[in-house]
Amino acid sequence: MSRYLTLSALAVLFLFPLVWSGYASLEEPANYLEMARFGEGLGTYATNSVLVSVMTVVGTLVISALGGYGFARFDFPGKNLLFLATLAILMVPYATILIPLYVLLGYIGLQNSLVGLSLVFVMFQLPFALFMMRNAFEALPRELEEAALVDGCGTLKAFARILLHAVRPALITVGLFAFLASWNDFFAPLILLNDGSSFTLPVAVVSMTQQTFGAIDYGMLQAGVMVMAFPCLILFIVLQRHYVRGFMSGALRG
């Protein structure tokens, strides 16, 4: 009984800010109309966020799946050192390398670009994603892959048709983390994007709420919070079962 009371109290504690934001945003429904008409339009900002999130998720899944499979199944010189070097990205403060990355993106023609922003997000997601996928592939019995090879599958065919299906919970976990990170991030788009038509939702929402003399329109801010939170809530609720399985199977083995 005490466990359920504790869980209920925690649920109320975590849900209260979201419920309060929803209530505050609906006190003046005109906030949503103003937000929809602001600047380039809410649809433009939402589309930018969706594009960045999709590119980040796809890039993270492709690289981490191939890389995790390679680290789990193949031996090559410097394997452990390369894996540790990838994990070392986590030790670098996020904000300290955004300016160098901005300069680098300028050299390759991706400055003020949604593609360039997505590449930055992918880079920062790779340490966690590779760790999860390597552990997920290591948890699979080698007999599963050997049976596919005996049946005539090549290495890539066995990887694509059998092993990826077996590590689907880990893939969903990695994809969900990549989506949440790219969808909600404010600092990187603020630094790397300078064209209003390229802004993502977090940057646009902050711009919407700034009023005369630095005053903040809290009603508009809460409306923006609800717009940004809704896709995250839906995804987490729909994928919760896979997320928990993937996180446990990928993390505990490590």
C-alpha atoms as a PDB file:
ATOM      1  CA  MET A   1       0.000   0.000   0.000  1.00  0.00           C
ATOM      2  CA  SER A   2       2.798   2.404   0.906  1.00  0.00           C
ATOM      3  CA  ARG A   3       4.418   1.771  -2.487  1.00  0.00           C
ATOM      4  CA  TYR A   4       1.271   2.869  -4.329  1.00  0.00           C
ATOM      5  CA  LEU A   5       0.971   5.965  -2.138  1.00  0.00           C
ATOM      6  CA  THR A   6       4.575   6.871  -2.882  1.00  0.00           C
ATOM      7  CA  LEU A   7       4.112   6.327  -6.623  1.00  0.00           C
ATOM      8  CA  SER A   8       0.899   8.361  -6.596  1.00  0.00           C
ATOM      9  CA  ALA A   9       2.625  11.219  -4.777  1.00  0.00           C
ATOM     10  CA  LEU A  10       5.483  11.164  -7.284  1.00  0.00           C
ATOM     11  CA  ALA A  11       3.005  11.128 -10.195  1.00  0.00           C
ATOM     12  CA  VAL A  12       1.243  14.192  -8.803  1.00  0.00           C
ATOM     13  CA  LEU A  13       4.582  15.909  -8.212  1.00  0.00           C
ATOM     14  CA  PHE A  14       5.736  15.377 -11.792  1.00  0.00           C
ATOM     15  CA  LEU A  15       2.373  16.024 -13.467  1.00  0.00           C
ATOM     16  CA  PHE A  16       1.528  19.209 -11.573  1.00  0.00           C
ATOM     17  CA  PRO A  17       3.821  21.536 -13.613  1.00  0.00           C
ATOM     18  CA  LEU A  18       2.396  20.200 -16.870  1.00  0.00           C
ATOM     19  CA  VAL A  19      -1.218  20.527 -15.700  1.00  0.00           C
ATOM     20  CA  TRP A  20      -0.522  24.009 -14.391  1.00  0.00           C
ATOM     21  CA  SER A  21       1.054  25.032 -17.712  1.00  0.00           C
ATOM     22  CA  GLY A  22      -1.964  23.715 -19.611  1.00  0.00           C
ATOM     23  CA  TYR A  23      -4.363  25.596 -17.347  1.00  0.00           C
ATOM     24  CA  ALA A  24      -2.364  28.824 -17.577  1.00  0.00           C
ATOM     25  CA  SER A  25      -2.179  28.581 -21.366  1.00  0.00           C
ATOM     26  CA  LEU A  26      -5.957  28.180 -21.657  1.00  0.00           C
ATOM     27  CA  GLU A  27      -6.802  31.175 -19.466  1.00  0.00           C
ATOM     28  CA  GLU A  28      -6.306  33.295 -22.596  1.00  0.00           C
ATOM     29  CA  PRO A  29      -7.001  31.109 -25.660  1.00  0.00           C
ATOM     30  CA  ALA A  30      -5.907  34.028 -27.857  1.00  0.00           C
ATOM     31  CA  ASN A  31      -2.320  33.112 -26.933  1.00  0.00           C
ATOM     32  CA  TYR A  32      -2.462  30.169 -29.308  1.00  0.00           C
ATOM     33  CA  LEU A  33      -3.743  32.367 -32.143  1.00  0.00           C
ATOM     34  CA  GLU A  34      -1.011  34.947 -31.540  1.00  0.00           C
ATOM     35  CA  MET A  35       1.590  32.204 -31.447  1.00  0.00           C
ATOM     36  CA  ALA A  36       0.329  30.775 -34.736  1.00  0.00           C
ATOM     37  CA  ARG A  37       0.701  34.170 -36.433  1.00  0.00           C
ATOM     38  CA  PHE A  38       4.046  35.135 -34.913  1.00  0.00           C
ATOM     39  CA  GLY A  39       6.972  35.779 -37.285  1.00  0.00           C
ATOM     40  CA  GLU A  40       7.189  33.129 -39.969  1.00  0.00           C
ATOM     41  CA  GLY A  41       4.227  31.286 -38.469  1.00  0.00           C
ATOM     42  CA  LEU A  42       4.002  28.425 -36.009  1.00  0.00           C
ATOM     43  CA  GLY A  43       3.791  25.932 -38.877  1.00  0.00           C
ATOM     44  CA  THR A  44       7.218  26.985 -40.172  1.00  0.00           C
ATOM     45  CA  TYR A  45       8.867  26.636 -36.787  1.00  0.00           C
ATOM     46  CA  ALA A  46       7.166  23.309 -36.112  1.00  0.00           C
ATOM     47  CA  THR A  47       8.208  22.023 -39.539  1.00  0.00           C
ATOM     48  CA  ASN A  48      11.806  23.032 -38.856  1.00  0.00           C
ATOM     49  CA  SER A  49      11.748  21.180 -35.535  1.00  0.00           C
ATOM     50  CA  VAL A  50      10.238  18.095 -37.145  1.00  0.00           C
ATOM     51  CA  LEU A  51      12.846  18.091 -39.930  1.00  0.00           C
ATOM     52  CA  VAL A  52      15.733  18.487 -37.483  1.00  0.00           C
ATOM     53  CA  SER A  53      14.339  15.787 -35.206  1.00  0.00           C
ATOM     54  CA  VAL A  54      13.754  13.331 -38.050  1.00  0.00           C
ATOM     55  CA  MET A  55      17.246  13.863 -39.496  1.00  0.00           C
ATOM     56  CA  THR A  56      18.777  13.509 -36.030  1.00  0.00           C
ATOM     57  CA  VAL A  57      16.876  10.312 -35.261  1.00  0.00           C
ATOM     58  CA  VAL A  58      17.644   8.715 -38.637  1.00  0.00           C
ATOM     59  CA  GLY A  59      21.327   9.691 -38.524  1.00  0.00           C
ATOM     60  CA  THR A  60      21.736   8.520 -34.939  1.00  0.00           C
ATOM     61  CA  LEU A  61      20.000   5.179 -35.585  1.00  0.00           C
ATOM     62  CA  VAL A  62      21.959   4.386 -38.751  1.00  0.00           C
ATOM     63  CA  ILE A  63      25.384   5.238 -37.330  1.00  0.00           C
ATOM     64  CA  SER A  64      24.806   3.745 -33.870  1.00  0.00           C
ATOM     65  CA  ALA A  65      23.309   0.510 -35.251  1.00  0.00           C
ATOM     66  CA  LEU A  66      26.194  -0.070 -37.648  1.00  0.00           C
ATOM     67  CA  GLY A  67      28.782   1.093 -35.129  1.00  0.00           C
ATOM     68  CA  GLY A  68      27.295  -0.871 -32.248  1.00  0.00           C
ATOM     69  CA  TYR A  69      27.207  -4.021 -34.374  1.00  0.00           C
ATOM     70  CA  GLY A  70      30.822  -3.503 -35.380  1.00  0.00           C
ATOM     71  CA  PHE A  71      31.994  -2.981 -31.816  1.00  0.00           C
ATOM     72  CA  ALA A  72      30.003  -5.988 -30.571  1.00  0.00           C
ATOM     73  CA  ARG A  73      30.873  -8.534 -33.269  1.00  0.00           C
ATOM     74  CA  PHE A  74      34.233  -7.661 -34.835  1.00  0.00           C
ATOM     75  CA  ASP A  75      37.751  -7.437 -33.463  1.00  0.00           C
ATOM     76  CA  PHE A  76      40.090  -4.851 -34.960  1.00  0.00           C
ATOM     77  CA  PRO A  77      43.156  -2.910 -33.783  1.00  0.00           C
ATOM     78  CA  GLY A  78      42.311  -0.056 -31.457  1.00  0.00           C
ATOM     79  CA  LYS A  79      38.716  -1.219 -30.967  1.00  0.00           C
ATOM     80  CA  ASN A  80      38.505  -0.450 -27.241  1.00  0.00           C
ATOM     81  CA  LEU A  81      40.461   2.779 -27.616  1.00  0.00           C
ATOM     82  CA  LEU A  82      38.124   3.996 -30.360  1.00  0.00           C
ATOM     83  CA  PHE A  83      35.076   3.130 -28.273  1.00  0.00           C
ATOM     84  CA  LEU A  84      36.487   4.996 -25.258  1.00  0.00           C
ATOM     85  CA  ALA A  85      37.318   7.970 -27.481  1.00  0.00           C
ATOM     86  CA  THR A  86      33.693   8.051 -28.640  1.00  0.00           C
ATOM     87  CA  LEU A  87      32.430   7.937 -25.055  1.00  0.00           C
ATOM     88  CA  ALA A  88      34.873  10.727 -24.174  1.00  0.00           C
ATOM     89  CA  ILE A  89      32.670  13.155 -26.112  1.00  0.00           C
ATOM     90  CA  LEU A  90      30.436  13.079 -23.032  1.00  0.00           C
ATOM     91  CA  MET A  91      33.246  14.664 -21.024  1.00  0.00           C
ATOM     92  CA  VAL A  92      33.371  17.745 -23.254  1.00  0.00           C
ATOM     93  CA  PRO A  93      31.085  20.574 -22.015  1.00  0.00           C
ATOM     94  CA  TYR A  94      28.331  21.023 -24.555  1.00  0.00           C
ATOM     95  CA  ALA A  95      28.486  24.806 -24.772  1.00  0.00           C
ATOM     96  CA  THR A  96      32.259  25.070 -25.158  1.00  0.00           C
ATOM     97  CA  ILE A  97      32.434  23.598 -28.664  1.00  0.00           C
ATOM     98  CA  LEU A  98      29.366  25.170 -30.275  1.00  0.00           C
ATOM     99  CA  ILE A  99      31.323  28.204 -31.507  1.00  0.00           C
ATOM    100  CA  PRO A 100      34.076  26.048 -33.094  1.00  0.00           C
ATOM    101  CA  LEU A 101      31.348  23.897 -34.630  1.00  0.00           C
ATOM    102  CA  TYR A 102      29.675  27.044 -35.990  1.00  0.00           C
ATOM    103  CA  VAL A 103      32.951  28.017 -37.691  1.00  0.00           C
ATOM    104  CA  LEU A 104      33.441  24.471 -39.003  1.00  0.00           C
ATOM    105  CA  LEU A 105      29.929  24.377 -40.451  1.00  0.00           C
ATOM    106  CA  GLY A 106      30.747  27.602 -42.258  1.00  0.00           C
ATOM    107  CA  TYR A 107      33.731  25.969 -43.959  1.00  0.00           C
ATOM    108  CA  ILE A 108      31.588  23.102 -45.285  1.00  0.00           C
ATOM    109  CA  GLY A 109      28.666  25.290 -46.327  1.00  0.00           C
ATOM    110  CA  LEU A 110      26.235  24.155 -43.613  1.00  0.00           C
ATOM    111  CA  GLN A 111      26.148  27.293 -41.472  1.00  0.00           C
ATOM    112  CA  ASN A 112      22.604  28.415 -40.613  1.00  0.00           C
ATOM    113  CA  SER A 113      21.387  25.077 -41.941  1.00  0.00           C
ATOM    114  CA  LEU A 114      18.958  22.556 -40.475  1.00  0.00           C
ATOM    115  CA  VAL A 115      21.181  19.789 -41.856  1.00  0.00           C
ATOM    116  CA  GLY A 116      24.212  21.232 -40.058  1.00  0.00           C
ATOM    117  CA  LEU A 117      22.236  21.519 -36.823  1.00  0.00           C
ATOM    118  CA  SER A 118      21.124  17.895 -37.186  1.00  0.00           C
ATOM    119  CA  LEU A 119      24.728  16.752 -37.651  1.00  0.00           C
ATOM    120  CA  VAL A 120      25.686  18.491 -34.408  1.00  0.00           C
ATOM    121  CA  PHE A 121      22.832  16.760 -32.585  1.00  0.00           C
ATOM    122  CA  VAL A 122      23.853  13.390 -34.035  1.00  0.00           C
ATOM    123  CA  MET A 123      27.422  13.899 -32.855  1.00  0.00           C
ATOM    124  CA  PHE A 124      26.311  14.548 -29.289  1.00  0.00           C
ATOM    125  CA  GLN A 125      23.907  11.582 -29.314  1.00  0.00           C
ATOM    126  CA  LEU A 126      26.477   9.066 -30.579  1.00  0.00           C
ATOM    127  CA  PRO A 127      28.240   8.228 -27.275  1.00  0.00           C
ATOM    128  CA  PHE A 128      25.039   7.139 -25.536  1.00  0.00           C
ATOM    129  CA  ALA A 129      23.613   5.567 -28.695  1.00  0.00           C
ATOM    130  CA  LEU A 130      26.751   3.525 -29.452  1.00  0.00           C
ATOM    131  CA  PHE A 131      26.938   2.372 -25.842  1.00  0.00           C
ATOM    132  CA  MET A 132      23.318   1.202 -25.933  1.00  0.00           C
ATOM    133  CA  MET A 133      23.556  -0.511 -29.308  1.00  0.00           C
ATOM    134  CA  ARG A 134      26.857  -2.253 -28.581  1.00  0.00           C
ATOM    135  CA  ASN A 135      25.437  -3.707 -25.375  1.00  0.00           C
ATOM    136  CA  ALA A 136      22.200  -4.676 -27.125  1.00  0.00           C
ATOM    137  CA  PHE A 137      24.071  -6.603 -29.850  1.00  0.00           C
ATOM    138  CA  GLU A 138      26.376  -8.220 -27.297  1.00  0.00           C
ATOM    139  CA  ALA A 139      23.314  -9.501 -25.446  1.00  0.00           C
ATOM    140  CA  LEU A 140      22.216 -11.458 -28.525  1.00  0.00           C
ATOM    141  CA  PRO A 141      23.463 -15.059 -28.793  1.00  0.00           C
ATOM    142  CA  ARG A 142      25.948 -15.524 -31.598  1.00  0.00           C
ATOM    143  CA  GLU A 143      24.044 -18.674 -32.594  1.00  0.00           C
ATOM    144  CA  LEU A 144      21.273 -16.440 -33.945  1.00  0.00           C
ATOM    145  CA  GLU A 145      23.634 -14.841 -36.428  1.00  0.00           C
ATOM    146  CA  GLU A 146      25.419 -18.118 -37.212  1.00  0.00           C
ATOM    147  CA  ALA A 147      22.117 -19.793 -38.057  1.00  0.00           C
ATOM    148  CA  ALA A 148      21.317 -16.995 -40.506  1.00  0.00           C
ATOM    149  CA  LEU A 149      24.737 -17.364 -42.144  1.00  0.00           C
ATOM    150  CA  VAL A 150      24.242 -21.127 -42.487  1.00  0.00           C
ATOM    151  CA  ASP A 151      20.883 -20.477 -44.188  1.00  0.00           C
ATOM    152  CA  GLY A 152      22.657 -18.429 -46.841  1.00  0.00           C
ATOM    153  CA  CYS A 153      22.386 -14.889 -45.479  1.00  0.00           C
ATOM    154  CA  GLY A 154      25.403 -12.659 -45.813  1.00  0.00           C
ATOM    155  CA  THR A 155      26.609 -10.576 -42.889  1.00  0.00           C
ATOM    156  CA  LEU A 156      24.721  -7.445 -43.929  1.00  0.00           C
ATOM    157  CA  LYS A 157      21.578  -9.390 -44.790  1.00  0.00           C
ATOM    158  CA  ALA A 158      21.600 -11.141 -41.415  1.00  0.00           C
ATOM    159  CA  PHE A 159      22.179  -7.782 -39.749  1.00  0.00           C
ATOM    160  CA  ALA A 160      19.314  -6.069 -41.572  1.00  0.00           C
ATOM    161  CA  ARG A 161      16.722  -8.850 -41.492  1.00  0.00           C
ATOM    162  CA  ILE A 162      17.348 -10.596 -38.164  1.00  0.00           C
ATOM    163  CA  LEU A 163      19.610  -8.737 -35.765  1.00  0.00           C
ATOM    164  CA  LEU A 164      17.978  -5.320 -36.162  1.00  0.00           C
ATOM    165  CA  HIS A 165      14.595  -6.860 -35.401  1.00  0.00           C
ATOM    166  CA  ALA A 166      16.047  -8.535 -32.303  1.00  0.00           C
ATOM    167  CA  VAL A 167      17.385  -5.229 -30.923  1.00  0.00           C
ATOM    168  CA  ARG A 168      14.280  -3.204 -31.785  1.00  0.00           C
ATOM    169  CA  PRO A 169      13.663  -2.074 -28.158  1.00  0.00           C
ATOM    170  CA  ALA A 170      17.183  -0.638 -28.006  1.00  0.00           C
ATOM    171  CA  LEU A 171      16.661   1.102 -31.355  1.00  0.00           C
ATOM    172  CA  ILE A 172      13.428   2.640 -30.092  1.00  0.00           C
ATOM    173  CA  THR A 173      15.171   3.806 -26.916  1.00  0.00           C
ATOM    174  CA  VAL A 174      18.016   5.411 -28.871  1.00  0.00           C
ATOM    175  CA  GLY A 175      15.583   7.014 -31.318  1.00  0.00           C
ATOM    176  CA  LEU A 176      13.404   8.373 -28.515  1.00  0.00           C
ATOM    177  CA  PHE A 177      16.389   9.915 -26.739  1.00  0.00           C
ATOM    178  CA  ALA A 178      17.604  11.452 -30.007  1.00  0.00           C
ATOM    179  CA  PHE A 179      14.159  12.897 -30.710  1.00  0.00           C
ATOM    180  CA  LEU A 180      13.747  14.405 -27.243  1.00  0.00           C
ATOM    181  CA  ALA A 181      17.231  15.928 -27.319  1.00  0.00           C
ATOM    182  CA  SER A 182      16.817  17.525 -30.750  1.00  0.00           C
ATOM    183  CA  TRP A 183      13.191  18.580 -30.281  1.00  0.00           C
ATOM    184  CA  ASN A 184      13.756  20.349 -26.945  1.00  0.00           C
ATOM    185  CA  ASP A 185      17.239  21.789 -27.378  1.00  0.00           C
ATOM    186  CA  PHE A 186      17.422  25.574 -27.243  1.00  0.00           C
ATOM    187  CA  PHE A 187      21.091  26.498 -27.004  1.00  0.00           C
ATOM    188  CA  ALA A 188      22.449  24.850 -30.167  1.00  0.00           C
ATOM    189  CA  PRO A 189      19.767  26.302 -32.507  1.00  0.00           C
ATOM    190  CA  LEU A 190      20.245  29.695 -30.863  1.00  0.00           C
ATOM    191  CA  ILE A 191      23.965  29.652 -31.684  1.00  0.00           C
ATOM    192  CA  LEU A 192      23.953  27.817 -35.020  1.00  0.00           C
ATOM    193  CA  LEU A 193      20.887  29.397 -36.668  1.00  0.00           C
ATOM    194  CA  ASN A 194      20.651  33.123 -37.435  1.00  0.00           C
ATOM    195  CA  ASP A 195      17.780  33.247 -39.928  1.00  0.00           C
ATOM    196  CA  GLY A 196      14.322  33.587 -38.404  1.00  0.00           C
ATOM    197  CA  SER A 197      12.818  31.323 -41.050  1.00  0.00           C
ATOM    198  CA  SER A 198      15.131  28.498 -39.871  1.00  0.00           C
ATOM    199  CA  PHE A 199      14.344  28.769 -36.161  1.00  0.00           C
ATOM    200  CA  THR A 200      13.132  25.690 -34.326  1.00  0.00           C
ATOM    201  CA  LEU A 201      10.276  25.767 -31.824  1.00  0.00           C
ATOM    202  CA  PRO A 202      12.336  26.381 -28.632  1.00  0.00           C
ATOM    203  CA  VAL A 203      14.026  29.464 -30.121  1.00  0.00           C
ATOM    204  CA  ALA A 204      10.765  30.705 -31.627  1.00  0.00           C
ATOM    205  CA  VAL A 205       8.855  30.292 -28.353  1.00  0.00           C
ATOM    206  CA  VAL A 206      11.444  32.344 -26.456  1.00  0.00           C
ATOM    207  CA  SER A 207      11.254  35.042 -29.152  1.00  0.00           C
ATOM    208  CA  MET A 208       7.457  35.061 -28.946  1.00  0.00           C
ATOM    209  CA  THR A 209       7.406  35.635 -25.207  1.00  0.00           C
ATOM    210  CA  GLN A 210       9.786  38.622 -25.198  1.00  0.00           C
ATOM    211  CA  GLN A 211       7.796  41.813 -24.768  1.00  0.00           C
ATOM    212  CA  THR A 212       8.668  45.498 -24.360  1.00  0.00           C
ATOM    213  CA  PHE A 213      11.527  46.255 -21.929  1.00  0.00           C
ATOM    214  CA  GLY A 214      12.256  42.566 -21.494  1.00  0.00           C
ATOM    215  CA  ALA A 215       8.876  41.692 -19.994  1.00  0.00           C
ATOM    216  CA  ILE A 216       7.760  38.093 -20.482  1.00  0.00           C
ATOM    217  CA  ASP A 217       4.309  37.069 -21.693  1.00  0.00           C
ATOM    218  CA  TYR A 218       3.808  34.062 -19.425  1.00  0.00           C
ATOM    219  CA  GLY A 219       0.526  33.084 -21.038  1.00  0.00           C
ATOM    220  CA  MET A 220       2.255  32.832 -24.413  1.00  0.00           C
ATOM    221  CA  LEU A 221       5.152  30.991 -22.768  1.00  0.00           C
ATOM    222  CA  GLN A 222       2.853  28.366 -21.280  1.00  0.00           C
ATOM    223  CA  ALA A 223       1.097  27.925 -24.621  1.00  0.00           C
ATOM    224  CA  GLY A 224       4.492  27.325 -26.243  1.00  0.00           C
ATOM    225  CA  VAL A 225       5.395  24.813 -23.539  1.00  0.00           C
ATOM    226  CA  MET A 226       2.225  22.838 -24.234  1.00  0.00           C
ATOM    227  CA  VAL A 227       2.821  22.827 -28.004  1.00  0.00           C
ATOM    228  CA  MET A 228       6.355  21.555 -27.478  1.00  0.00           C
ATOM    229  CA  ALA A 229       5.438  19.005 -24.800  1.00  0.00           C
ATOM    230  CA  PHE A 230       2.528  17.368 -26.620  1.00  0.00           C
ATOM    231  CA  PRO A 231       4.544  15.327 -29.192  1.00  0.00           C
ATOM    232  CA  CYS A 232       6.977  14.212 -26.485  1.00  0.00           C
ATOM    233  CA  LEU A 233       4.145  12.973 -24.273  1.00  0.00           C
ATOM    234  CA  ILE A 234       2.468  11.090 -27.098  1.00  0.00           C
ATOM    235  CA  LEU A 235       5.695   9.391 -28.169  1.00  0.00           C
ATOM    236  CA  PHE A 236       6.636   8.418 -24.636  1.00  0.00           C
ATOM    237  CA  ILE A 237       3.195   6.973 -23.894  1.00  0.00           C
ATOM    238  CA  VAL A 238       3.075   5.007 -27.157  1.00  0.00           C
ATOM    239  CA  LEU A 239       6.645   3.708 -26.910  1.00  0.00           C
ATOM    240  CA  GLN A 240       6.905   3.328 -23.139  1.00  0.00           C
ATOM    241  CA  ARG A 241       6.934  -0.480 -23.137  1.00  0.00           C
ATOM    242  CA  HIS A 242       9.686  -0.668 -25.759  1.00  0.00           C
ATOM    243  CA  TYR A 243      11.616   2.145 -24.110  1.00  0.00           C
ATOM    244  CA  VAL A 244      11.779   0.381 -20.747  1.00  0.00           C
ATOM    245  CA  ARG A 245      12.785  -2.943 -22.321  1.00  0.00           C
ATOM    246  CA  GLY A 246      15.425  -1.330 -24.509  1.00  0.00           C
ATOM    247  CA  PHE A 247      16.909   0.757 -21.722  1.00  0.00           C
ATOM    248  CA  MET A 248      17.146  -2.192 -19.365  1.00  0.00           C
ATOM    249  CA  SER A 249      18.570  -4.617 -21.929  1.00  0.00           C
ATOM    250  CA  GLY A 250      21.048  -2.102 -23.308  1.00  0.00           C
ATOM    251  CA  ALA A 251      22.222  -0.509 -20.075  1.00  0.00           C
ATOM    252  CA  LEU A 252      22.387  -3.334 -17.561  1.00  0.00           C
ATOM    253  CA  ARG A 253      24.778  -5.445 -19.600  1.00  0.00           C
ATOM    254  CA  GLY A 254      27.223  -2.566 -19.687  1.00  0.00           C
END
